[in-house]
């Protein structure tokens, strides 16, 4: 699917934001209930016990990490099998109902209209991402990075560094990570975005990482190009 921004220029000089890199699960769309339900069902099917706290501990983590956590809870399957079972259940949930995080679609549209490049950087695998992209009203993302396409998942910065690299290649430019926004909802995600040097913005959802070396917004509805530019100007002042 061609990108909506395929031939768009990088932002004009009055836009400090060079690019926006989005997490998917829990940030753009609310898939966390699907993941948590899938984890619980799989553990119970193997005779184990699973708590809300255990689910919350896996929010934002790389899928192999989550799979090993389920193995420790008694799931007698290999890591690949666990990932496949969880992913299939999440895809089924997405096809039943795609739940947008409040303000996400409007913010995607705002960045797109301004010609600001956007990347999707997620720990979900390509199978889930393709299903999600097929349901979008427009192709907002210029590049995508999935969990099965990196060696080290979040909280490692590799996924976001890869997103920056792909955007730079696509637009034939060198991006300054500090002028690129990273939007996240989880501790592994916001840690990865910060470690990649992005201007990291936390919008908590299923879990709340609290304060840290990042900006915080209680909702995507509170964010805009103007607000983000103001924050960047304050840092660079």
Protein backbone atom coordinates (compact mmCIF):
# COMPACT_ATOMS: atom_id res chain seq x y z
CA UNK A 1 0.00 0.00 0.00
CA UNK A 2 1.61 3.30 -1.01
CA UNK A 3 2.18 5.79 1.77
CA UNK A 4 0.00 8.86 2.03
CA UNK A 5 3.22 10.84 2.58
CA UNK A 6 5.24 9.04 -0.10
CA UNK A 7 6.11 12.22 -1.98
CA UNK A 8 5.72 14.64 0.91
CA UNK A 9 8.69 16.87 1.81
CA UNK A 10 10.21 16.95 5.24
CA UNK A 11 8.62 19.53 7.55
CA UNK A 12 8.89 23.21 6.72
CA UNK A 13 11.33 25.31 8.80
CA UNK A 14 8.49 26.43 11.08
CA UNK A 15 7.97 22.82 12.12
CA UNK A 16 10.67 21.78 14.56
CA UNK A 17 9.36 18.21 14.45
CA UNK A 18 11.29 16.28 11.81
CA UNK A 19 9.38 13.02 12.23
CA UNK A 20 7.06 11.14 14.58
CA UNK A 21 7.66 7.52 15.58
CA UNK A 22 4.65 5.76 17.06
CA UNK A 23 4.33 2.68 19.20
CA UNK A 24 1.26 0.66 18.18
CA UNK A 25 -0.08 -1.53 21.01
CA UNK A 26 -1.62 0.68 23.66
CA UNK A 27 -0.59 3.91 21.94
CA UNK A 28 -2.26 4.01 18.52
CA UNK A 29 -4.76 1.23 19.18
CA UNK A 30 -5.87 -0.44 22.39
CA UNK A 31 -4.77 -4.03 21.88
CA UNK A 32 -3.59 -4.56 25.46
CA UNK A 33 -6.88 -6.21 26.53
CA UNK A 34 -6.47 -8.68 23.65
CA UNK A 35 -2.89 -9.51 24.65
CA UNK A 36 -3.77 -9.89 28.31
CA UNK A 37 -6.76 -12.13 27.60
CA UNK A 38 -4.68 -14.30 25.26
CA UNK A 39 -1.91 -14.67 27.86
CA UNK A 40 -4.34 -15.63 30.59
CA UNK A 41 -6.18 -18.19 28.48
CA UNK A 42 -2.95 -19.83 27.37
CA UNK A 43 -1.54 -20.12 30.89
CA UNK A 44 -4.82 -21.48 32.30
CA UNK A 45 -5.05 -24.00 29.43
CA UNK A 46 -1.71 -25.40 30.60
CA UNK A 47 -2.78 -25.63 34.24
CA UNK A 48 -0.98 -22.54 35.48
CA UNK A 49 -2.13 -19.40 37.23
CA UNK A 50 -1.90 -15.88 35.86
CA UNK A 51 -2.53 -12.56 37.54
CA UNK A 52 -3.26 -9.04 36.34
CA UNK A 53 0.11 -7.99 37.74
CA UNK A 54 1.87 -10.60 35.61
CA UNK A 55 0.09 -9.33 32.50
CA UNK A 56 0.98 -5.74 33.32
CA UNK A 57 4.64 -6.69 33.76
CA UNK A 58 4.72 -7.79 30.11
CA UNK A 59 3.12 -4.66 28.61
CA UNK A 60 5.38 -3.25 25.92
CA UNK A 61 7.93 -6.05 26.15
CA UNK A 62 9.41 -7.90 23.19
CA UNK A 63 7.33 -10.98 22.37
CA UNK A 64 10.14 -13.51 23.03
CA UNK A 65 10.44 -11.99 26.52
CA UNK A 66 6.69 -12.33 27.03
CA UNK A 67 6.77 -15.92 25.78
CA UNK A 68 9.49 -16.86 28.25
CA UNK A 69 7.39 -15.31 31.02
CA UNK A 70 4.49 -17.58 30.03
CA UNK A 71 6.79 -20.59 30.00
CA UNK A 72 7.78 -19.78 33.58
CA UNK A 73 4.07 -19.71 34.42
CA UNK A 74 3.66 -23.25 33.12
CA UNK A 75 2.96 -22.99 29.38
CA UNK A 76 4.60 -26.08 27.89
CA UNK A 77 5.21 -24.74 24.39
CA UNK A 78 8.22 -23.31 22.60
CA UNK A 79 8.74 -19.56 22.33
CA UNK A 80 7.75 -19.55 18.65
CA UNK A 81 4.56 -21.51 19.33
CA UNK A 82 3.56 -19.17 22.14
CA UNK A 83 4.11 -16.07 20.00
CA UNK A 84 2.06 -17.59 17.18
CA UNK A 85 -0.84 -18.47 19.49
CA UNK A 86 -0.90 -15.05 21.13
CA UNK A 87 -0.62 -13.25 17.79
CA UNK A 88 -3.44 -15.25 16.24
CA UNK A 89 -5.75 -14.32 19.11
CA UNK A 90 -4.83 -10.63 18.89
CA UNK A 91 -5.46 -10.62 15.13
CA UNK A 92 -8.86 -12.20 15.78
CA UNK A 93 -9.60 -9.41 18.26
CA UNK A 94 -8.53 -6.70 15.83
CA UNK A 95 -10.84 -8.11 13.18
CA UNK A 96 -13.73 -8.08 15.62
CA UNK A 97 -13.09 -4.53 16.78
CA UNK A 98 -10.27 -2.06 16.12
CA UNK A 99 -10.18 0.20 19.19
CA UNK A 100 -8.41 3.51 18.63
CA UNK A 101 -6.74 5.24 21.54
CA UNK A 102 -8.49 8.59 22.14
CA UNK A 103 -7.03 11.24 19.84
CA UNK A 104 -4.72 8.85 17.94
CA UNK A 105 -6.45 8.98 14.56
CA UNK A 106 -6.83 12.76 14.73
CA UNK A 107 -3.15 13.21 15.56
CA UNK A 108 -2.10 10.86 12.76
CA UNK A 109 -4.16 12.94 10.37
CA UNK A 110 -2.70 16.18 11.70
CA UNK A 111 0.89 15.04 11.18
CA UNK A 112 0.04 13.65 7.75
CA UNK A 113 -1.62 16.90 6.62
CA UNK A 114 1.49 18.83 7.73
CA UNK A 115 3.77 16.54 5.72
CA UNK A 116 5.58 15.25 8.82
CA UNK A 117 6.96 11.73 8.22
CA UNK A 118 5.63 9.02 10.49
CA UNK A 119 6.93 5.58 11.45
CA UNK A 120 5.25 2.72 13.29
CA UNK A 121 7.67 1.00 15.68
CA UNK A 122 6.06 -1.96 17.41
CA UNK A 123 6.97 -5.20 19.15
CA UNK A 124 4.04 -6.91 17.43
CA UNK A 125 5.07 -9.04 14.49
CA UNK A 126 4.49 -8.31 10.82
CA UNK A 127 1.38 -10.51 10.66
CA UNK A 128 -0.44 -8.30 13.18
CA UNK A 129 0.84 -5.05 11.69
CA UNK A 130 -0.28 -5.98 8.19
CA UNK A 131 -3.76 -6.70 9.51
CA UNK A 132 -3.83 -3.33 11.28
CA UNK A 133 -2.51 -1.38 8.28
CA UNK A 134 -5.16 -2.92 6.06
CA UNK A 135 -7.86 -1.36 8.28
CA UNK A 136 -6.49 2.19 8.19
CA UNK A 137 -8.57 4.81 6.36
CA UNK A 138 -5.32 6.14 4.86
CA UNK A 139 -1.69 5.00 4.79
CA UNK A 140 -0.31 7.29 7.48
CA UNK A 141 2.96 5.47 8.12
CA UNK A 142 5.89 5.99 5.79
CA UNK A 143 7.86 3.09 7.30
CA UNK A 144 7.14 0.34 9.81
CA UNK A 145 9.38 -1.67 12.13
CA UNK A 146 8.08 -4.86 13.74
CA UNK A 147 9.35 -7.02 16.56
CA UNK A 148 10.38 -9.89 14.31
CA UNK A 149 12.55 -7.56 12.20
CA UNK A 150 14.97 -6.50 14.93
CA UNK A 151 17.48 -8.49 16.95
CA UNK A 152 16.86 -6.65 20.20
CA UNK A 153 13.36 -5.53 21.14
CA UNK A 154 12.23 -2.77 23.47
CA UNK A 155 13.54 -1.57 25.95
CA UNK A 156 16.60 -1.73 23.69
CA UNK A 157 16.77 1.34 21.39
CA UNK A 158 17.32 -0.79 18.26
CA UNK A 159 13.69 -0.66 17.02
CA UNK A 160 13.60 3.14 17.15
CA UNK A 161 17.08 3.49 15.68
CA UNK A 162 15.91 1.27 12.83
CA UNK A 163 12.83 3.45 12.36
CA UNK A 164 15.01 6.57 12.14
CA UNK A 165 17.27 4.83 9.64
CA UNK A 166 14.38 3.79 7.40
CA UNK A 167 12.85 7.28 7.48
CA UNK A 168 16.21 8.82 6.65
CA UNK A 169 16.65 6.46 3.71
CA UNK A 170 13.12 7.04 2.44
CA UNK A 171 13.40 10.82 2.51
CA UNK A 172 17.12 10.87 1.65
CA UNK A 173 18.03 12.99 4.64
CA UNK A 174 19.72 12.75 8.02
CA UNK A 175 17.29 13.05 10.91
CA UNK A 176 18.22 14.53 14.27
CA UNK A 177 16.74 12.09 16.82
CA UNK A 178 16.27 14.93 19.33
CA UNK A 179 13.93 16.62 16.82
CA UNK A 180 11.91 13.45 16.28
CA UNK A 181 9.01 12.58 18.58
CA UNK A 182 8.61 9.10 20.03
CA UNK A 183 5.10 8.34 21.34
CA UNK A 184 4.81 5.48 23.84
CA UNK A 185 2.58 4.08 26.59
CA UNK A 186 4.78 1.55 28.41
CA UNK A 187 8.02 1.46 30.39
CA UNK A 188 9.91 -0.74 27.88
CA UNK A 189 8.71 1.48 25.05
CA UNK A 190 9.45 4.87 26.59
CA UNK A 191 12.84 3.55 27.75
CA UNK A 192 13.64 2.47 24.17
CA UNK A 193 12.53 5.79 22.70
CA UNK A 194 14.56 7.76 25.22
CA UNK A 195 17.64 5.58 24.71
CA UNK A 196 17.41 6.17 20.95
CA UNK A 197 17.72 9.89 21.61
CA UNK A 198 14.16 10.73 20.58
CA UNK A 199 12.04 13.44 22.15
CA UNK A 200 10.09 10.81 24.06
CA UNK A 201 6.48 11.45 25.11
CA UNK A 202 4.68 9.07 27.45
CA UNK A 203 0.91 8.66 27.15
CA UNK A 204 0.14 6.01 29.81
CA UNK A 205 -2.55 3.42 29.22
CA UNK A 206 -2.69 -0.08 30.74
CA UNK A 207 0.30 0.70 32.98
CA UNK A 208 1.83 3.94 34.19
CA UNK A 209 5.65 4.16 34.22
CA UNK A 210 5.45 7.44 36.10
CA UNK A 211 7.95 10.24 35.78
CA UNK A 212 11.30 9.90 34.03
CA UNK A 213 13.53 11.50 31.41
CA UNK A 214 10.56 12.02 29.13
CA UNK A 215 7.60 14.33 28.65
CA UNK A 216 4.19 13.14 29.73
CA UNK A 217 0.68 13.69 28.45
CA UNK A 218 -2.44 12.15 29.95
CA UNK A 219 -4.03 11.82 26.51
CA UNK A 220 -3.13 12.08 22.84
CA UNK A 221 -6.01 14.55 22.65
CA UNK A 222 -3.83 17.00 24.56
CA UNK A 223 -1.09 16.82 21.93
CA UNK A 224 -0.73 18.81 18.72
CA UNK A 225 2.03 19.96 16.40
CA UNK A 226 1.94 23.32 18.16
CA UNK A 227 2.28 21.76 21.63
CA UNK A 228 5.13 19.47 20.58
CA UNK A 229 6.95 22.32 18.84
CA UNK A 230 6.62 24.42 22.01
CA UNK A 231 8.20 21.65 24.08
CA UNK A 232 11.05 21.26 21.58
CA UNK A 233 11.65 25.00 21.59
CA UNK A 234 11.85 24.98 25.39
CA UNK A 235 14.50 22.26 25.31
CA UNK A 236 16.53 24.01 22.63
CA UNK A 237 16.24 27.47 24.17
